[in-house]
């Protein structure tokens, strides 16, 4: 064998040995290109996509809400365009507008038709605490009326057995370990029947889904109950739904009343 051939053979053997003993080349260090989604991930994806197929809706029904410590019961009309445009009319006993709440995605508007009081604030991070006793956001109300589940931003999700022994609960946590949300599922993990939203001080509000109804192939709530730590904040009993219908964006802007003398 020629000296050159011996040299090339030696180099090939050396390279082969180097590859075999290299710590980055063993099977235990092979990196997966795609991780299989966990059961929790699949459930959260399903929850996030609930009733995502329609964009507009209208409804009518009875509304119970607690304002300044008093429980009010009224008829109401509402309309929305997902994800941020919404309007609700609270009617007086004569079925005339008593109060209007609206959001066009940029501003949140509150108008009392009796007193003429008008309030406007940026919609970002705005909530209904000026109207009801719990800081529920407009986007959460839109999600709930659309048959969906409000989902908070989280870093870790854990699926556990419900402490009651019936069903399961998905616990969403922030990086610092605090619980931000709990989603309660039935025993078959096929339905959400309760949601709890938390902050650093504990429970902010709880949503209870009592009944549902089928509307044009979509499962929508017949009844939504929102409570805070102590009592009922808002209850909406839906008599009639309309989905995927024309909704004018002009209705989501309220203006202060003009008084003439």
Protein backbone atom coordinates (compact mmCIF):
# COMPACT_ATOMS: atom_id res chain seq x y z
CA UNK A 1 0.00 0.00 0.00
CA UNK A 2 1.32 3.42 -0.90
CA UNK A 3 2.19 5.93 1.79
CA UNK A 4 -0.52 8.30 0.51
CA UNK A 5 -3.16 5.58 0.65
CA UNK A 6 -2.14 4.67 4.20
CA UNK A 7 -2.41 8.29 5.23
CA UNK A 8 -5.93 8.64 3.77
CA UNK A 9 -7.07 5.38 5.40
CA UNK A 10 -5.71 6.54 8.76
CA UNK A 11 -7.54 9.85 8.47
CA UNK A 12 -10.81 8.08 7.66
CA UNK A 13 -10.47 5.79 10.69
CA UNK A 14 -9.64 8.75 12.94
CA UNK A 15 -12.70 10.69 11.74
CA UNK A 16 -14.94 7.67 12.31
CA UNK A 17 -13.64 7.25 15.86
CA UNK A 18 -14.14 10.96 16.56
CA UNK A 19 -17.78 10.80 15.42
CA UNK A 20 -18.50 7.74 17.55
CA UNK A 21 -17.12 9.19 20.77
CA UNK A 22 -18.42 12.72 20.26
CA UNK A 23 -20.88 13.59 23.11
CA UNK A 24 -23.28 15.35 20.73
CA UNK A 25 -23.87 12.42 18.41
CA UNK A 26 -25.28 9.69 20.62
CA UNK A 27 -28.97 8.77 20.26
CA UNK A 28 -29.85 10.17 23.70
CA UNK A 29 -29.00 13.66 22.46
CA UNK A 30 -31.11 13.59 19.30
CA UNK A 31 -33.49 16.56 19.38
CA UNK A 32 -37.09 16.07 18.33
CA UNK A 33 -38.22 18.30 15.50
CA UNK A 34 -41.82 18.35 16.74
CA UNK A 35 -43.17 17.57 20.19
CA UNK A 36 -46.50 15.77 20.42
CA UNK A 37 -49.12 18.10 21.99
CA UNK A 38 -50.13 17.04 25.49
CA UNK A 39 -53.74 16.39 26.46
CA UNK A 40 -53.80 19.76 28.22
CA UNK A 41 -52.57 21.53 25.07
CA UNK A 42 -55.25 19.83 22.98
CA UNK A 43 -57.97 20.78 25.44
CA UNK A 44 -56.85 24.43 25.52
CA UNK A 45 -56.76 24.55 21.70
CA UNK A 46 -60.30 23.17 21.60
CA UNK A 47 -61.42 25.72 24.21
CA UNK A 48 -59.79 28.60 22.34
CA UNK A 49 -61.52 27.64 19.08
CA UNK A 50 -65.00 27.22 20.53
CA UNK A 51 -67.54 28.95 18.25
CA UNK A 52 -64.82 30.81 16.37
CA UNK A 53 -66.66 30.42 13.06
CA UNK A 54 -69.01 33.41 13.34
CA UNK A 55 -68.13 37.07 13.86
CA UNK A 56 -71.35 39.00 14.53
CA UNK A 57 -74.26 38.44 16.90
CA UNK A 58 -77.32 40.04 18.46
CA UNK A 59 -79.43 39.02 21.43
CA UNK A 60 -82.32 39.93 23.70
CA UNK A 61 -83.18 38.78 27.19
CA UNK A 62 -83.34 39.57 30.90
CA UNK A 63 -80.40 41.12 32.70
CA UNK A 64 -79.73 41.10 36.44
CA UNK A 65 -76.83 43.21 37.67
CA UNK A 66 -75.60 44.58 40.96
CA UNK A 67 -74.78 48.27 40.88
CA UNK A 68 -73.78 50.26 43.98
CA UNK A 69 -74.90 47.37 46.15
CA UNK A 70 -78.38 47.11 44.68
CA UNK A 71 -79.62 44.29 42.47
CA UNK A 72 -81.32 45.58 39.33
CA UNK A 73 -83.49 43.51 36.97
CA UNK A 74 -84.19 44.77 33.43
CA UNK A 75 -84.77 43.74 29.87
CA UNK A 76 -81.79 44.18 27.58
CA UNK A 77 -80.71 44.20 23.95
CA UNK A 78 -77.15 43.66 22.75
CA UNK A 79 -75.04 43.31 19.62
CA UNK A 80 -71.39 42.61 18.95
CA UNK A 81 -68.64 42.08 16.41
CA UNK A 82 -65.83 39.87 17.66
CA UNK A 83 -63.42 40.46 19.22
CA UNK A 84 -63.77 44.02 20.59
CA UNK A 85 -66.97 45.78 19.44
CA UNK A 86 -70.04 45.56 21.63
CA UNK A 87 -73.15 47.44 22.71
CA UNK A 88 -75.84 46.69 25.27
CA UNK A 89 -79.03 48.63 25.98
CA UNK A 90 -80.58 48.39 29.45
CA UNK A 91 -84.31 49.09 29.18
CA UNK A 92 -86.60 50.71 31.74
CA UNK A 93 -90.07 49.30 32.64
CA UNK A 94 -91.54 51.17 29.65
CA UNK A 95 -89.05 49.26 27.41
CA UNK A 96 -87.17 52.46 26.58
CA UNK A 97 -83.35 52.77 26.87
CA UNK A 98 -82.31 53.59 30.43
CA UNK A 99 -78.56 53.10 29.99
CA UNK A 100 -76.21 52.25 27.14
CA UNK A 101 -72.77 50.64 27.26
CA UNK A 102 -70.66 50.40 24.11
CA UNK A 103 -67.13 49.79 22.93
CA UNK A 104 -65.75 50.36 19.43
CA UNK A 105 -62.42 48.71 20.27
CA UNK A 106 -60.73 52.05 21.01
CA UNK A 107 -63.08 53.60 23.55
CA UNK A 108 -65.52 52.39 26.18
CA UNK A 109 -68.68 54.50 26.49
CA UNK A 110 -71.26 54.65 29.28
CA UNK A 111 -74.43 56.73 28.92
CA UNK A 112 -77.32 57.18 31.35
CA UNK A 113 -80.32 58.36 29.35
CA UNK A 114 -82.24 59.55 32.41
CA UNK A 115 -79.60 61.77 33.99
CA UNK A 116 -77.61 62.46 30.84
CA UNK A 117 -74.38 61.33 32.49
CA UNK A 118 -71.74 60.34 29.94
CA UNK A 119 -68.41 58.58 30.47
CA UNK A 120 -65.69 57.74 27.96
CA UNK A 121 -62.34 56.04 28.56
CA UNK A 122 -59.75 54.10 26.52
CA UNK A 123 -61.01 50.58 25.86
CA UNK A 124 -57.61 49.01 26.50
CA UNK A 125 -57.80 47.31 29.90
CA UNK A 126 -61.22 48.91 30.51
CA UNK A 127 -63.88 46.94 32.37
CA UNK A 128 -67.44 47.21 33.64
CA UNK A 129 -66.60 48.01 37.26
CA UNK A 130 -68.22 51.44 36.88
CA UNK A 131 -71.47 49.72 35.98
CA UNK A 132 -71.48 46.42 37.88
CA UNK A 133 -69.69 45.27 41.04
CA UNK A 134 -67.05 43.17 39.23
CA UNK A 135 -64.26 44.24 36.81
CA UNK A 136 -65.34 42.10 33.84
CA UNK A 137 -63.89 43.29 30.54
CA UNK A 138 -65.92 43.94 27.40
CA UNK A 139 -63.85 41.35 25.51
CA UNK A 140 -64.77 38.74 28.16
CA UNK A 141 -68.47 39.54 27.77
CA UNK A 142 -68.17 39.20 23.98
CA UNK A 143 -66.39 35.86 24.37
CA UNK A 144 -68.99 34.55 26.82
CA UNK A 145 -71.96 35.58 24.68
CA UNK A 146 -70.23 33.96 21.69
CA UNK A 147 -70.16 30.63 23.50
CA UNK A 148 -66.44 30.84 24.21
CA UNK A 149 -64.24 30.82 27.30
CA UNK A 150 -62.10 33.84 28.28
CA UNK A 151 -58.45 32.74 28.39
CA UNK A 152 -55.79 34.65 30.31
CA UNK A 153 -52.16 34.75 29.18
CA UNK A 154 -50.23 32.03 30.99
CA UNK A 155 -46.84 30.30 31.16
CA UNK A 156 -47.87 26.91 32.52
CA UNK A 157 -51.04 24.81 32.26
CA UNK A 158 -51.84 21.79 34.46
CA UNK A 159 -54.75 19.36 34.13
CA UNK A 160 -55.99 18.03 37.47
CA UNK A 161 -58.84 16.04 38.93
CA UNK A 162 -61.54 18.37 40.24
CA UNK A 163 -61.27 18.43 44.08
CA UNK A 164 -65.02 17.79 44.20
CA UNK A 165 -64.38 14.38 42.65
CA UNK A 166 -66.45 15.16 39.56
CA UNK A 167 -64.72 16.17 36.36
CA UNK A 168 -61.43 17.95 35.82
CA UNK A 169 -59.90 21.41 36.10
CA UNK A 170 -57.26 23.10 33.96
CA UNK A 171 -55.13 25.43 36.10
CA UNK A 172 -53.33 28.24 34.27
CA UNK A 173 -50.32 29.78 36.02
CA UNK A 174 -47.96 32.67 35.49
CA UNK A 175 -44.18 32.27 35.49
CA UNK A 176 -44.02 33.31 39.15
CA UNK A 177 -46.27 30.36 40.01
CA UNK A 178 -49.46 32.24 40.78
CA UNK A 179 -52.79 30.93 39.51
CA UNK A 180 -54.36 33.20 36.88
CA UNK A 181 -57.34 31.06 35.82
CA UNK A 182 -59.16 27.77 36.45
CA UNK A 183 -61.32 26.07 33.83
CA UNK A 184 -63.67 23.36 35.08
CA UNK A 185 -64.56 20.48 32.74
CA UNK A 186 -67.07 17.66 33.01
CA UNK A 187 -66.10 14.02 33.55
CA UNK A 188 -65.75 13.42 29.79
CA UNK A 189 -63.67 16.60 29.30
CA UNK A 190 -66.19 17.58 26.64
CA UNK A 191 -67.83 20.62 28.22
CA UNK A 192 -66.82 23.67 30.27
CA UNK A 193 -69.22 24.40 33.12
CA UNK A 194 -67.29 26.99 35.19
CA UNK A 195 -64.39 29.44 34.86
CA UNK A 196 -62.58 31.33 37.61
CA UNK A 197 -60.30 34.32 36.98
CA UNK A 198 -57.67 35.34 39.56
CA UNK A 199 -55.18 38.11 40.27
CA UNK A 200 -52.59 38.61 43.02
CA UNK A 201 -55.34 39.20 45.56
CA UNK A 202 -57.24 36.02 44.75
CA UNK A 203 -60.51 35.38 42.92
CA UNK A 204 -61.67 38.24 40.70
CA UNK A 205 -64.81 36.66 39.29
CA UNK A 206 -66.44 33.32 38.56
CA UNK A 207 -68.51 32.41 35.49
CA UNK A 208 -71.08 29.62 35.71
CA UNK A 209 -72.51 28.16 32.51
CA UNK A 210 -75.94 26.76 33.38
CA UNK A 211 -77.69 26.02 30.10
CA UNK A 212 -76.95 26.14 26.39
CA UNK A 213 -79.00 26.36 23.23
CA UNK A 214 -78.33 25.52 19.59
CA UNK A 215 -78.48 28.49 17.23
CA UNK A 216 -77.75 27.88 13.54
CA UNK A 217 -75.48 24.99 14.46
CA UNK A 218 -73.63 26.83 17.24
CA UNK A 219 -73.91 26.02 20.94
CA UNK A 220 -74.53 29.32 22.75
CA UNK A 221 -75.34 30.10 26.38
CA UNK A 222 -78.94 30.23 27.48
CA UNK A 223 -77.85 31.59 30.82
CA UNK A 224 -74.62 33.22 32.06
CA UNK A 225 -73.97 33.93 35.74
CA UNK A 226 -71.01 36.04 36.88
CA UNK A 227 -70.24 36.34 40.58
CA UNK A 228 -67.46 37.95 42.59
CA UNK A 229 -66.16 36.66 45.91
CA UNK A 230 -69.40 37.48 47.72
CA UNK A 231 -72.42 37.79 45.46
CA UNK A 232 -74.03 37.90 42.04
CA UNK A 233 -72.61 40.63 39.78
CA UNK A 234 -74.25 39.96 36.43
CA UNK A 235 -76.70 37.42 35.07
CA UNK A 236 -77.90 37.29 31.47
CA UNK A 237 -80.85 35.06 30.58
CA UNK A 238 -80.99 34.91 26.79
CA UNK A 239 -84.38 34.67 25.09
CA UNK A 240 -83.25 35.01 21.48
CA UNK A 241 -79.99 34.91 19.52
CA UNK A 242 -79.03 35.93 16.00
CA UNK A 243 -75.58 35.09 14.61
CA UNK A 244 -73.68 36.05 11.45
CA UNK A 245 -76.03 38.91 10.63
CA UNK A 246 -75.28 42.45 9.42
CA UNK A 247 -74.24 44.74 12.28
CA UNK A 248 -73.45 48.42 11.72
CA UNK A 249 -70.17 49.56 13.31
CA UNK A 250 -71.73 53.00 13.91
CA UNK A 251 -73.76 51.61 16.82
CA UNK A 252 -70.61 51.03 18.88
CA UNK A 253 -69.90 54.76 19.28
CA UNK A 254 -71.88 56.77 21.85
CA UNK A 255 -71.94 60.55 22.08
CA UNK A 256 -72.88 62.86 24.94
CA UNK A 257 -76.51 63.99 24.89
CA UNK A 258 -77.30 67.42 23.48
CA UNK A 259 -79.62 69.47 25.68
CA UNK A 260 -81.72 72.22 24.19
CA UNK A 261 -83.27 75.11 26.11
